[in-house]
Amino acid sequence: MQNIAKNNFDFIRVLLAFIVFVGHLGALSGSDQLTILTHSPVEVAVFSFFVVSGFLIARSYERSSSLKSYAKKRFNRIVPAYLLVVFLCAILLSLVSTISFSEYFSNTQVYKYLFWNSLFLNFKAPWLPGVFGNQAVNGALWTLKIEMCFYMAVPLMFLLFGKNNKYRNISLIVLYFLSLVFLNYFEMAGKASISRQLPGSLCYFIGGMLLYFNFDKFIKHKNILFIIAIVTVWLDLILKIKLFSPIMISIIVLYIAYSFKFLNNFGKYGDFTYGIYIFHFPIIRVFATLGLFANYNPFFMGFVCMIVVIGVGIASWHLYEKRFL
């Protein structure tokens, strides 16, 4: 049976982060030439991150010696770098604000931004005064509050339907469909921004958990499951309803994770994905605010922006994130 530890999750996370970056580059650059990039499947990439989390967080909790050990590992992985980007944006983006330093730092919105974003409640104060036309500073951070909720939910889910519970799969499948009801109801009502929140996004996380709990069966039948998943996702797209696609996307993600052995060592130089994800949005907006996409070749500047984002992600890992791990 395939070793669960030998996988391509490092490659998958970098790929998903790149998909999100490309989509946001097209949407935020303000360049007509780059609008084609908005077709990048950002939503699928974000939901795939939740699938990866469902699998890996279930594994992390099961391998932790105690609840305290698990909580410490999860806290150190997500919170320090998250707080870093929040505080750096609040301070450094004063340089691109349309108001003076004194006006900026005396504006209560700056401190509302710091307070609410530090609590992962980005929607309460998404903007900074005079920055990016008072639009969202870092729209990518909305997923982090959901991720934190997942972290807190896993111990409870293990308690209710852990690995040795004979009703585990049935219980998780019931939760899966309840999540889908919420997701589809608000999507059909034209409220996609609500549908993606909890509990709508839970079905993707549960998909990852189900495959973790049934890993041996998945590996045994992964090729036929992959074919079924591809066909089913297309059917859901045609019918314009998410019914089986969340679990099928989970199968596709896990198939990639446990195939293509040459990608197993992709993360040997570090885990830069988180830094790339949390920093890319404001970096793209700074490039746009400075007129770099408008005044120079937008494709070249898009490439430069990507290099900057990757550089910041690498620096974030080596100089900051790994110190907590």
C-alpha atoms as a PDB file:
ATOM      1  CA  MET A   1       0.000   0.000   0.000  1.00  0.00           C
ATOM      2  CA  GLN A   2       1.271   3.475  -0.838  1.00  0.00           C
ATOM      3  CA  ASN A   3       2.969   5.417   1.961  1.00  0.00           C
ATOM      4  CA  ILE A   4       0.638   8.216   3.062  1.00  0.00           C
ATOM      5  CA  ALA A   5       3.627  10.449   3.855  1.00  0.00           C
ATOM      6  CA  LYS A   6       4.994  10.361   0.288  1.00  0.00           C
ATOM      7  CA  ASN A   7       2.818  12.784  -1.608  1.00  0.00           C
ATOM      8  CA  ASN A   8       2.692  15.822  -3.867  1.00  0.00           C
ATOM      9  CA  PHE A   9       0.843  18.209  -1.548  1.00  0.00           C
ATOM     10  CA  ASP A  10       3.705  20.735  -1.719  1.00  0.00           C
ATOM     11  CA  PHE A  11       3.399  20.837  -5.517  1.00  0.00           C
ATOM     12  CA  ILE A  12      -0.406  21.022  -5.353  1.00  0.00           C
ATOM     13  CA  ARG A  13      -0.368  23.966  -2.944  1.00  0.00           C
ATOM     14  CA  VAL A  14       2.077  25.918  -5.094  1.00  0.00           C
ATOM     15  CA  LEU A  15      -0.031  25.180  -8.185  1.00  0.00           C
ATOM     16  CA  LEU A  16      -3.226  26.306  -6.428  1.00  0.00           C
ATOM     17  CA  ALA A  17      -1.547  29.478  -5.147  1.00  0.00           C
ATOM     18  CA  PHE A  18      -0.345  30.240  -8.692  1.00  0.00           C
ATOM     19  CA  ILE A  19      -3.885  29.765 -10.063  1.00  0.00           C
ATOM     20  CA  VAL A  20      -5.236  32.196  -7.444  1.00  0.00           C
ATOM     21  CA  PHE A  21      -2.447  34.700  -8.210  1.00  0.00           C
ATOM     22  CA  VAL A  22      -3.112  34.573 -11.973  1.00  0.00           C
ATOM     23  CA  GLY A  23      -6.851  35.087 -11.513  1.00  0.00           C
ATOM     24  CA  HIS A  24      -6.345  38.022  -9.158  1.00  0.00           C
ATOM     25  CA  LEU A  25      -3.711  39.507 -11.467  1.00  0.00           C
ATOM     26  CA  GLY A  26      -6.273  39.634 -14.257  1.00  0.00           C
ATOM     27  CA  ALA A  27      -8.963  41.082 -11.981  1.00  0.00           C
ATOM     28  CA  LEU A  28      -6.878  43.675 -10.119  1.00  0.00           C
ATOM     29  CA  SER A  29      -4.341  44.891 -12.676  1.00  0.00           C
ATOM     30  CA  GLY A  30      -6.813  47.165 -14.461  1.00  0.00           C
ATOM     31  CA  SER A  31      -5.267  46.134 -17.780  1.00  0.00           C
ATOM     32  CA  ASP A  32      -7.604  45.136 -20.617  1.00  0.00           C
ATOM     33  CA  GLN A  33      -4.857  42.921 -21.981  1.00  0.00           C
ATOM     34  CA  LEU A  34      -4.699  40.912 -18.763  1.00  0.00           C
ATOM     35  CA  THR A  35      -8.452  40.403 -18.377  1.00  0.00           C
ATOM     36  CA  ILE A  36      -8.075  37.010 -20.080  1.00  0.00           C
ATOM     37  CA  LEU A  37      -6.388  35.870 -16.853  1.00  0.00           C
ATOM     38  CA  THR A  38      -9.680  36.255 -14.978  1.00  0.00           C
ATOM     39  CA  HIS A  39     -10.683  32.906 -16.501  1.00  0.00           C
ATOM     40  CA  SER A  40      -8.217  31.259 -14.119  1.00  0.00           C
ATOM     41  CA  PRO A  41     -10.323  28.916 -11.918  1.00  0.00           C
ATOM     42  CA  VAL A  42      -9.713  30.801  -8.673  1.00  0.00           C
ATOM     43  CA  GLU A  43     -12.787  29.417  -6.903  1.00  0.00           C
ATOM     44  CA  VAL A  44     -11.853  25.818  -7.706  1.00  0.00           C
ATOM     45  CA  ALA A  45      -8.306  26.486  -6.450  1.00  0.00           C
ATOM     46  CA  VAL A  46      -9.572  27.969  -3.166  1.00  0.00           C
ATOM     47  CA  PHE A  47     -11.943  25.059  -2.582  1.00  0.00           C
ATOM     48  CA  SER A  48      -9.108  22.651  -3.427  1.00  0.00           C
ATOM     49  CA  PHE A  49      -7.082  24.270  -0.629  1.00  0.00           C
ATOM     50  CA  PHE A  50      -9.949  23.295   1.705  1.00  0.00           C
ATOM     51  CA  VAL A  51      -9.753  19.708   0.418  1.00  0.00           C
ATOM     52  CA  VAL A  52      -6.028  19.577   1.145  1.00  0.00           C
ATOM     53  CA  SER A  53      -6.690  21.009   4.611  1.00  0.00           C
ATOM     54  CA  GLY A  54      -9.376  18.404   5.320  1.00  0.00           C
ATOM     55  CA  PHE A  55      -6.945  15.589   4.559  1.00  0.00           C
ATOM     56  CA  LEU A  56      -3.836  17.028   6.217  1.00  0.00           C
ATOM     57  CA  ILE A  57      -5.509  18.510   9.306  1.00  0.00           C
ATOM     58  CA  ALA A  58      -7.262  15.212  10.036  1.00  0.00           C
ATOM     59  CA  ARG A  59      -3.871  13.520   9.781  1.00  0.00           C
ATOM     60  CA  SER A  60      -2.238  16.199  11.927  1.00  0.00           C
ATOM     61  CA  TYR A  61      -4.830  15.843  14.679  1.00  0.00           C
ATOM     62  CA  GLU A  62      -4.635  12.050  14.702  1.00  0.00           C
ATOM     63  CA  ARG A  63      -0.835  12.160  14.959  1.00  0.00           C
ATOM     64  CA  SER A  64      -0.747  14.829  17.668  1.00  0.00           C
ATOM     65  CA  SER A  65       0.094  13.634  21.167  1.00  0.00           C
ATOM     66  CA  SER A  66      -2.538  15.894  22.729  1.00  0.00           C
ATOM     67  CA  LEU A  67      -5.090  18.576  21.956  1.00  0.00           C
ATOM     68  CA  LYS A  68      -2.572  21.158  23.213  1.00  0.00           C
ATOM     69  CA  SER A  69       0.094  19.868  20.825  1.00  0.00           C
ATOM     70  CA  TYR A  70      -2.351  19.980  17.901  1.00  0.00           C
ATOM     71  CA  ALA A  71      -3.519  23.509  18.783  1.00  0.00           C
ATOM     72  CA  LYS A  72       0.054  24.765  19.073  1.00  0.00           C
ATOM     73  CA  LYS A  73       1.017  23.338  15.661  1.00  0.00           C
ATOM     74  CA  ARG A  74      -2.031  24.807  13.957  1.00  0.00           C
ATOM     75  CA  PHE A  75      -1.602  28.206  15.663  1.00  0.00           C
ATOM     76  CA  ASN A  76       2.070  28.448  14.730  1.00  0.00           C
ATOM     77  CA  ARG A  77       1.385  27.506  11.127  1.00  0.00           C
ATOM     78  CA  ILE A  78      -1.276  30.103  10.382  1.00  0.00           C
ATOM     79  CA  VAL A  79      -1.363  32.952  12.918  1.00  0.00           C
ATOM     80  CA  PRO A  80       2.175  34.483  12.990  1.00  0.00           C
ATOM     81  CA  ALA A  81       2.415  35.001   9.209  1.00  0.00           C
ATOM     82  CA  TYR A  82      -1.207  36.142   9.055  1.00  0.00           C
ATOM     83  CA  LEU A  83      -0.604  38.832  11.696  1.00  0.00           C
ATOM     84  CA  LEU A  84       2.598  39.819   9.894  1.00  0.00           C
ATOM     85  CA  VAL A  85       0.790  40.596   6.621  1.00  0.00           C
ATOM     86  CA  VAL A  86      -1.974  42.475   8.456  1.00  0.00           C
ATOM     87  CA  PHE A  87       0.470  44.738  10.326  1.00  0.00           C
ATOM     88  CA  LEU A  88       2.810  45.227   7.355  1.00  0.00           C
ATOM     89  CA  CYS A  89      -0.105  46.286   5.159  1.00  0.00           C
ATOM     90  CA  ALA A  90      -1.374  48.734   7.794  1.00  0.00           C
ATOM     91  CA  ILE A  91       2.068  50.354   8.068  1.00  0.00           C
ATOM     92  CA  LEU A  92       3.665  50.090   4.625  1.00  0.00           C
ATOM     93  CA  LEU A  93       0.579  50.898   2.561  1.00  0.00           C
ATOM     94  CA  SER A  94       0.622  54.367   4.104  1.00  0.00           C
ATOM     95  CA  LEU A  95       3.280  54.972   1.425  1.00  0.00           C
ATOM     96  CA  VAL A  96       0.696  54.594  -1.365  1.00  0.00           C
ATOM     97  CA  SER A  97      -2.187  56.299   0.447  1.00  0.00           C
ATOM     98  CA  THR A  98      -3.627  59.428  -1.132  1.00  0.00           C
ATOM     99  CA  ILE A  99      -3.598  61.191   2.249  1.00  0.00           C
ATOM    100  CA  SER A 100      -0.629  62.384   4.319  1.00  0.00           C
ATOM    101  CA  PHE A 101       1.128  60.273   6.955  1.00  0.00           C
ATOM    102  CA  SER A 102      -0.342  62.356   9.775  1.00  0.00           C
ATOM    103  CA  GLU A 103      -3.871  62.042   8.398  1.00  0.00           C
ATOM    104  CA  TYR A 104      -3.379  58.340   7.728  1.00  0.00           C
ATOM    105  CA  PHE A 105      -2.125  57.355  11.163  1.00  0.00           C
ATOM    106  CA  SER A 106      -4.652  59.575  12.943  1.00  0.00           C
ATOM    107  CA  ASN A 107      -7.524  57.978  11.030  1.00  0.00           C
ATOM    108  CA  THR A 108      -9.463  55.489  13.179  1.00  0.00           C
ATOM    109  CA  GLN A 109      -9.973  53.207  10.172  1.00  0.00           C
ATOM    110  CA  VAL A 110      -6.306  52.152  10.399  1.00  0.00           C
ATOM    111  CA  TYR A 111      -6.850  50.847  13.921  1.00  0.00           C
ATOM    112  CA  LYS A 112     -10.192  49.292  13.040  1.00  0.00           C
ATOM    113  CA  TYR A 113      -8.380  47.479  10.228  1.00  0.00           C
ATOM    114  CA  LEU A 114      -5.712  46.212  12.635  1.00  0.00           C
ATOM    115  CA  PHE A 115      -8.238  45.150  15.258  1.00  0.00           C
ATOM    116  CA  TRP A 116     -10.789  43.346  13.111  1.00  0.00           C
ATOM    117  CA  ASN A 117      -8.261  41.763  10.750  1.00  0.00           C
ATOM    118  CA  SER A 118      -6.215  40.507  13.699  1.00  0.00           C
ATOM    119  CA  LEU A 119      -9.359  38.645  14.787  1.00  0.00           C
ATOM    120  CA  PHE A 120      -9.753  37.181  11.264  1.00  0.00           C
ATOM    121  CA  LEU A 121     -12.926  39.239  10.768  1.00  0.00           C
ATOM    122  CA  ASN A 122     -11.667  40.939   7.587  1.00  0.00           C
ATOM    123  CA  PHE A 123     -15.151  41.841   6.373  1.00  0.00           C
ATOM    124  CA  LYS A 124     -15.605  44.214   9.342  1.00  0.00           C
ATOM    125  CA  ALA A 125     -12.794  46.520   8.155  1.00  0.00           C
ATOM    126  CA  PRO A 126     -11.401  45.464   4.764  1.00  0.00           C
ATOM    127  CA  TRP A 127      -9.951  48.837   3.676  1.00  0.00           C
ATOM    128  CA  LEU A 128      -7.386  51.429   4.732  1.00  0.00           C
ATOM    129  CA  PRO A 129      -7.831  55.223   4.326  1.00  0.00           C
ATOM    130  CA  GLY A 130      -6.754  56.478   0.912  1.00  0.00           C
ATOM    131  CA  VAL A 131      -5.364  53.078  -0.081  1.00  0.00           C
ATOM    132  CA  PHE A 132      -6.474  51.421  -3.339  1.00  0.00           C
ATOM    133  CA  GLY A 133      -9.461  53.758  -3.589  1.00  0.00           C
ATOM    134  CA  ASN A 134     -10.695  52.537  -0.204  1.00  0.00           C
ATOM    135  CA  GLN A 135     -11.243  49.070  -1.658  1.00  0.00           C
ATOM    136  CA  ALA A 136     -10.320  45.776   0.020  1.00  0.00           C
ATOM    137  CA  VAL A 137      -6.632  45.693   0.922  1.00  0.00           C
ATOM    138  CA  ASN A 138      -6.303  41.924   0.913  1.00  0.00           C
ATOM    139  CA  GLY A 139      -9.327  40.108  -0.447  1.00  0.00           C
ATOM    140  CA  ALA A 140      -7.537  36.756  -0.264  1.00  0.00           C
ATOM    141  CA  LEU A 141      -7.654  36.670   3.537  1.00  0.00           C
ATOM    142  CA  TRP A 142     -11.365  35.753   3.723  1.00  0.00           C
ATOM    143  CA  THR A 143     -10.439  32.069   3.531  1.00  0.00           C
ATOM    144  CA  LEU A 144      -8.264  32.218   6.650  1.00  0.00           C
ATOM    145  CA  LYS A 145     -11.146  32.678   9.077  1.00  0.00           C
ATOM    146  CA  ILE A 146     -12.756  29.604   7.519  1.00  0.00           C
ATOM    147  CA  GLU A 147      -9.478  27.711   7.858  1.00  0.00           C
ATOM    148  CA  MET A 148      -9.316  28.648  11.546  1.00  0.00           C
ATOM    149  CA  CYS A 149     -12.882  27.396  12.018  1.00  0.00           C
ATOM    150  CA  PHE A 150     -11.879  24.107  10.392  1.00  0.00           C
ATOM    151  CA  TYR A 151      -8.933  23.810  12.785  1.00  0.00           C
ATOM    152  CA  MET A 152     -11.267  24.264  15.755  1.00  0.00           C
ATOM    153  CA  ALA A 153     -13.906  21.897  14.341  1.00  0.00           C
ATOM    154  CA  VAL A 154     -11.602  18.921  13.730  1.00  0.00           C
ATOM    155  CA  PRO A 155     -11.212  17.863  17.410  1.00  0.00           C
ATOM    156  CA  LEU A 156     -15.004  17.945  17.781  1.00  0.00           C
ATOM    157  CA  MET A 157     -15.490  16.007  14.545  1.00  0.00           C
ATOM    158  CA  PHE A 158     -13.004  13.375  15.711  1.00  0.00           C
ATOM    159  CA  LEU A 159     -14.822  13.137  19.017  1.00  0.00           C
ATOM    160  CA  LEU A 160     -18.172  12.609  17.284  1.00  0.00           C
ATOM    161  CA  PHE A 161     -17.030  10.472  14.339  1.00  0.00           C
ATOM    162  CA  GLY A 162     -13.382   9.587  14.742  1.00  0.00           C
ATOM    163  CA  LYS A 163     -11.459   6.931  12.892  1.00  0.00           C
ATOM    164  CA  ASN A 164     -12.797   4.011  14.928  1.00  0.00           C
ATOM    165  CA  ASN A 165     -16.444   5.074  14.901  1.00  0.00           C
ATOM    166  CA  LYS A 166     -18.465   2.639  12.770  1.00  0.00           C
ATOM    167  CA  TYR A 167     -20.873   5.443  11.835  1.00  0.00           C
ATOM    168  CA  ARG A 168     -18.030   7.804  10.849  1.00  0.00           C
ATOM    169  CA  ASN A 169     -18.524   7.752   7.081  1.00  0.00           C
ATOM    170  CA  ILE A 170     -22.320   8.018   7.276  1.00  0.00           C
ATOM    171  CA  SER A 171     -22.088  10.931   9.736  1.00  0.00           C
ATOM    172  CA  LEU A 172     -19.616  12.821   7.556  1.00  0.00           C
ATOM    173  CA  ILE A 173     -21.697  12.197   4.426  1.00  0.00           C
ATOM    174  CA  VAL A 174     -24.770  13.626   6.194  1.00  0.00           C
ATOM    175  CA  LEU A 175     -22.735  16.736   7.087  1.00  0.00           C
ATOM    176  CA  TYR A 176     -21.506  16.870   3.486  1.00  0.00           C
ATOM    177  CA  PHE A 177     -25.039  17.055   2.079  1.00  0.00           C
ATOM    178  CA  LEU A 178     -26.207  19.557   4.709  1.00  0.00           C
ATOM    179  CA  SER A 179     -23.304  21.772   3.663  1.00  0.00           C
ATOM    180  CA  LEU A 180     -24.302  21.343   0.010  1.00  0.00           C
ATOM    181  CA  VAL A 181     -27.874  22.455   0.757  1.00  0.00           C
ATOM    182  CA  PHE A 182     -26.521  25.722   2.187  1.00  0.00           C
ATOM    183  CA  LEU A 183     -24.045  26.161  -0.686  1.00  0.00           C
ATOM    184  CA  ASN A 184     -26.554  25.578  -3.473  1.00  0.00           C
ATOM    185  CA  TYR A 185     -29.365  27.564  -1.844  1.00  0.00           C
ATOM    186  CA  PHE A 186     -27.339  30.771  -1.677  1.00  0.00           C
ATOM    187  CA  GLU A 187     -25.719  30.246  -5.081  1.00  0.00           C
ATOM    188  CA  MET A 188     -29.149  29.873  -6.688  1.00  0.00           C
ATOM    189  CA  ALA A 189     -30.265  32.981  -4.803  1.00  0.00           C
ATOM    190  CA  GLY A 190     -27.396  34.885  -6.424  1.00  0.00           C
ATOM    191  CA  LYS A 191     -25.488  35.240  -3.151  1.00  0.00           C
ATOM    192  CA  ALA A 192     -22.253  33.454  -4.023  1.00  0.00           C
ATOM    193  CA  SER A 193     -20.256  35.438  -1.464  1.00  0.00           C
ATOM    194  CA  ILE A 194     -22.426  33.931   1.304  1.00  0.00           C
ATOM    195  CA  SER A 195     -22.469  30.431  -0.193  1.00  0.00           C
ATOM    196  CA  ARG A 196     -18.677  30.202   0.037  1.00  0.00           C
ATOM    197  CA  GLN A 197     -18.680  30.892   3.769  1.00  0.00           C
ATOM    198  CA  LEU A 198     -19.321  28.312   6.456  1.00  0.00           C
ATOM    199  CA  PRO A 199     -21.083  25.968   6.363  1.00  0.00           C
ATOM    200  CA  GLY A 200     -21.098  26.078   2.544  1.00  0.00           C
ATOM    201  CA  SER A 201     -17.368  25.434   2.176  1.00  0.00           C
ATOM    202  CA  LEU A 202     -17.433  22.599   4.715  1.00  0.00           C
ATOM    203  CA  CYS A 203     -18.303  20.019   2.034  1.00  0.00           C
ATOM    204  CA  TYR A 204     -14.832  20.413   0.469  1.00  0.00           C
ATOM    205  CA  PHE A 205     -13.089  20.026   3.823  1.00  0.00           C
ATOM    206  CA  ILE A 206     -15.185  16.937   4.578  1.00  0.00           C
ATOM    207  CA  GLY A 207     -14.222  15.547   1.171  1.00  0.00           C
ATOM    208  CA  GLY A 208     -10.581  15.638   2.238  1.00  0.00           C
ATOM    209  CA  MET A 209     -11.414  14.080   5.622  1.00  0.00           C
ATOM    210  CA  LEU A 210     -13.419  11.247   4.045  1.00  0.00           C
ATOM    211  CA  LEU A 211     -10.515  10.351   1.783  1.00  0.00           C
ATOM    212  CA  TYR A 212      -8.143  10.399   4.750  1.00  0.00           C
ATOM    213  CA  PHE A 213     -10.367   8.063   6.763  1.00  0.00           C
ATOM    214  CA  ASN A 214     -10.732   5.760   3.732  1.00  0.00           C
ATOM    215  CA  PHE A 215      -7.209   6.180   2.375  1.00  0.00           C
ATOM    216  CA  ASP A 216      -6.490   2.488   1.678  1.00  0.00           C
ATOM    217  CA  LYS A 217      -9.700   2.053  -0.318  1.00  0.00           C
ATOM    218  CA  PHE A 218      -9.019   5.279  -2.208  1.00  0.00           C
ATOM    219  CA  ILE A 219      -5.502   4.206  -3.209  1.00  0.00           C
ATOM    220  CA  LYS A 220      -6.754   0.778  -4.297  1.00  0.00           C
ATOM    221  CA  HIS A 221      -9.364   2.247  -6.653  1.00  0.00           C
ATOM    222  CA  LYS A 222      -7.856   5.700  -7.368  1.00  0.00           C
ATOM    223  CA  ASN A 223      -7.622   5.307 -11.162  1.00  0.00           C
ATOM    224  CA  ILE A 224     -11.282   4.441 -11.719  1.00  0.00           C
ATOM    225  CA  LEU A 225     -12.328   7.003  -9.090  1.00  0.00           C
ATOM    226  CA  PHE A 226     -10.344   9.664 -10.956  1.00  0.00           C
ATOM    227  CA  ILE A 227     -12.155   8.915 -14.236  1.00  0.00           C
ATOM    228  CA  ILE A 228     -15.560   8.953 -12.489  1.00  0.00           C
ATOM    229  CA  ALA A 229     -14.628  12.251 -10.792  1.00  0.00           C
ATOM    230  CA  ILE A 230     -13.696  13.986 -14.059  1.00  0.00           C
ATOM    231  CA  VAL A 231     -16.970  12.948 -15.718  1.00  0.00           C
ATOM    232  CA  THR A 232     -19.076  13.885 -12.681  1.00  0.00           C
ATOM    233  CA  VAL A 233     -17.534  17.349 -12.332  1.00  0.00           C
ATOM    234  CA  TRP A 234     -18.435  18.053 -15.954  1.00  0.00           C
ATOM    235  CA  LEU A 235     -22.018  16.892 -15.331  1.00  0.00           C
ATOM    236  CA  ASP A 236     -22.318  19.242 -12.346  1.00  0.00           C
ATOM    237  CA  LEU A 237     -20.989  22.101 -14.509  1.00  0.00           C
ATOM    238  CA  ILE A 238     -23.551  21.350 -17.224  1.00  0.00           C
ATOM    239  CA  LEU A 239     -26.402  21.124 -14.695  1.00  0.00           C
ATOM    240  CA  LYS A 240     -25.078  24.249 -12.903  1.00  0.00           C
ATOM    241  CA  ILE A 241     -25.467  22.671  -9.487  1.00  0.00           C
ATOM    242  CA  LYS A 242     -22.880  21.494  -6.983  1.00  0.00           C
ATOM    243  CA  LEU A 243     -24.025  18.040  -5.928  1.00  0.00           C
ATOM    244  CA  PHE A 244     -21.173  15.589  -6.277  1.00  0.00           C
ATOM    245  CA  SER A 245     -18.457  17.937  -7.557  1.00  0.00           C
ATOM    246  CA  PRO A 246     -17.034  18.821  -4.093  1.00  0.00           C
ATOM    247  CA  ILE A 247     -16.262  15.180  -3.272  1.00  0.00           C
ATOM    248  CA  MET A 248     -15.152  14.599  -6.874  1.00  0.00           C
ATOM    249  CA  ILE A 249     -12.780  17.581  -6.737  1.00  0.00           C
ATOM    250  CA  SER A 250     -11.458  16.010  -3.529  1.00  0.00           C
ATOM    251  CA  ILE A 251     -10.775  12.788  -5.430  1.00  0.00           C
ATOM    252  CA  ILE A 252      -9.005  14.671  -8.244  1.00  0.00           C
ATOM    253  CA  VAL A 253      -6.813  16.591  -5.765  1.00  0.00           C
ATOM    254  CA  LEU A 254      -5.901  13.431  -3.850  1.00  0.00           C
ATOM    255  CA  TYR A 255      -5.261  11.552  -7.102  1.00  0.00           C
ATOM    256  CA  ILE A 256      -2.689  14.173  -8.075  1.00  0.00           C
ATOM    257  CA  ALA A 257      -1.250  14.056  -4.553  1.00  0.00           C
ATOM    258  CA  TYR A 258      -0.630  10.317  -4.752  1.00  0.00           C
ATOM    259  CA  SER A 259       0.433   9.958  -8.381  1.00  0.00           C
ATOM    260  CA  PHE A 260       3.439  11.346 -10.318  1.00  0.00           C
ATOM    261  CA  LYS A 261       6.168  10.296  -7.858  1.00  0.00           C
ATOM    262  CA  PHE A 262       8.713  12.619  -9.491  1.00  0.00           C
ATOM    263  CA  LEU A 263       6.951  15.517  -7.734  1.00  0.00           C
ATOM    264  CA  ASN A 264       7.407  14.050  -4.231  1.00  0.00           C
ATOM    265  CA  ASN A 265      10.373  16.291  -3.372  1.00  0.00           C
ATOM    266  CA  PHE A 266       8.858  19.520  -4.677  1.00  0.00           C
ATOM    267  CA  GLY A 267       8.869  21.175  -1.258  1.00  0.00           C
ATOM    268  CA  LYS A 268      12.417  20.298  -0.185  1.00  0.00           C
ATOM    269  CA  TYR A 269      13.514  23.951  -0.359  1.00  0.00           C
ATOM    270  CA  GLY A 270      10.698  25.200   1.853  1.00  0.00           C
ATOM    271  CA  ASP A 271       6.945  25.744   2.064  1.00  0.00           C
ATOM    272  CA  PHE A 272       6.458  29.112   0.353  1.00  0.00           C
ATOM    273  CA  THR A 273       2.787  28.657  -0.517  1.00  0.00           C
ATOM    274  CA  TYR A 274       1.276  30.376   2.492  1.00  0.00           C
ATOM    275  CA  GLY A 275       3.470  33.452   2.083  1.00  0.00           C
ATOM    276  CA  ILE A 276       2.635  33.654  -1.621  1.00  0.00           C
ATOM    277  CA  TYR A 277      -1.075  33.348  -0.859  1.00  0.00           C
ATOM    278  CA  ILE A 278      -1.347  35.957   1.898  1.00  0.00           C
ATOM    279  CA  PHE A 279       0.923  38.583   0.280  1.00  0.00           C
ATOM    280  CA  HIS A 280       0.011  38.400  -3.428  1.00  0.00           C
ATOM    281  CA  PHE A 281      -3.227  40.423  -3.324  1.00  0.00           C
ATOM    282  CA  PRO A 282      -1.821  43.700  -1.879  1.00  0.00           C
ATOM    283  CA  ILE A 283       1.327  43.382  -4.005  1.00  0.00           C
ATOM    284  CA  ILE A 284      -0.750  43.228  -7.208  1.00  0.00           C
ATOM    285  CA  ARG A 285      -2.747  46.260  -6.017  1.00  0.00           C
ATOM    286  CA  VAL A 286       0.442  48.229  -5.305  1.00  0.00           C
ATOM    287  CA  PHE A 287       1.661  47.522  -8.852  1.00  0.00           C
ATOM    288  CA  ALA A 288      -1.685  48.733 -10.225  1.00  0.00           C
ATOM    289  CA  THR A 289      -1.743  51.830  -7.972  1.00  0.00           C
ATOM    290  CA  LEU A 290       1.747  52.804  -9.135  1.00  0.00           C
ATOM    291  CA  GLY A 291       0.553  52.536 -12.763  1.00  0.00           C
ATOM    292  CA  LEU A 292       3.038  49.808 -13.638  1.00  0.00           C
ATOM    293  CA  PHE A 293       0.508  47.743 -15.622  1.00  0.00           C
ATOM    294  CA  ALA A 294      -0.814  50.843 -17.394  1.00  0.00           C
ATOM    295  CA  ASN A 295       2.522  52.507 -18.230  1.00  0.00           C
ATOM    296  CA  TYR A 296       4.577  49.463 -19.201  1.00  0.00           C
ATOM    297  CA  ASN A 297       3.987  46.183 -21.001  1.00  0.00           C
ATOM    298  CA  PRO A 298       1.328  44.566 -18.776  1.00  0.00           C
ATOM    299  CA  PHE A 299       2.514  41.013 -19.465  1.00  0.00           C
ATOM    300  CA  PHE A 300       6.093  41.889 -18.546  1.00  0.00           C
ATOM    301  CA  MET A 301       4.943  43.705 -15.414  1.00  0.00           C
ATOM    302  CA  GLY A 302       2.724  40.735 -14.577  1.00  0.00           C
ATOM    303  CA  PHE A 303       5.825  38.545 -14.742  1.00  0.00           C
ATOM    304  CA  VAL A 304       7.773  40.998 -12.563  1.00  0.00           C
ATOM    305  CA  CYS A 305       4.882  41.035 -10.103  1.00  0.00           C
ATOM    306  CA  MET A 306       4.942  37.239  -9.969  1.00  0.00           C
ATOM    307  CA  ILE A 307       8.693  37.245  -9.250  1.00  0.00           C
ATOM    308  CA  VAL A 308       8.179  39.792  -6.454  1.00  0.00           C
ATOM    309  CA  VAL A 309       5.351  37.708  -4.956  1.00  0.00           C
ATOM    310  CA  ILE A 310       7.467  34.530  -5.081  1.00  0.00           C
ATOM    311  CA  GLY A 311      10.415  36.400  -3.560  1.00  0.00           C
ATOM    312  CA  VAL A 312       8.256  37.711  -0.719  1.00  0.00           C
ATOM    313  CA  GLY A 313       6.845  34.210  -0.160  1.00  0.00           C
ATOM    314  CA  ILE A 314      10.355  32.714   0.039  1.00  0.00           C
ATOM    315  CA  ALA A 315      11.528  35.476   2.377  1.00  0.00           C
ATOM    316  CA  SER A 316       8.452  35.059   4.568  1.00  0.00           C
ATOM    317  CA  TRP A 317       9.185  31.356   4.961  1.00  0.00           C
ATOM    318  CA  HIS A 318      12.929  31.523   5.610  1.00  0.00           C
ATOM    319  CA  LEU A 319      13.060  34.716   7.654  1.00  0.00           C
ATOM    320  CA  TYR A 320       9.847  34.393   9.636  1.00  0.00           C
ATOM    321  CA  GLU A 321       7.424  31.494   9.280  1.00  0.00           C
ATOM    322  CA  LYS A 322       9.724  28.528   9.877  1.00  0.00           C
ATOM    323  CA  ARG A 323      11.006  30.056  13.109  1.00  0.00           C
ATOM    324  CA  PHE A 324       7.625  29.263  14.638  1.00  0.00           C
ATOM    325  CA  LEU A 325       7.630  25.695  13.370  1.00  0.00           C
END
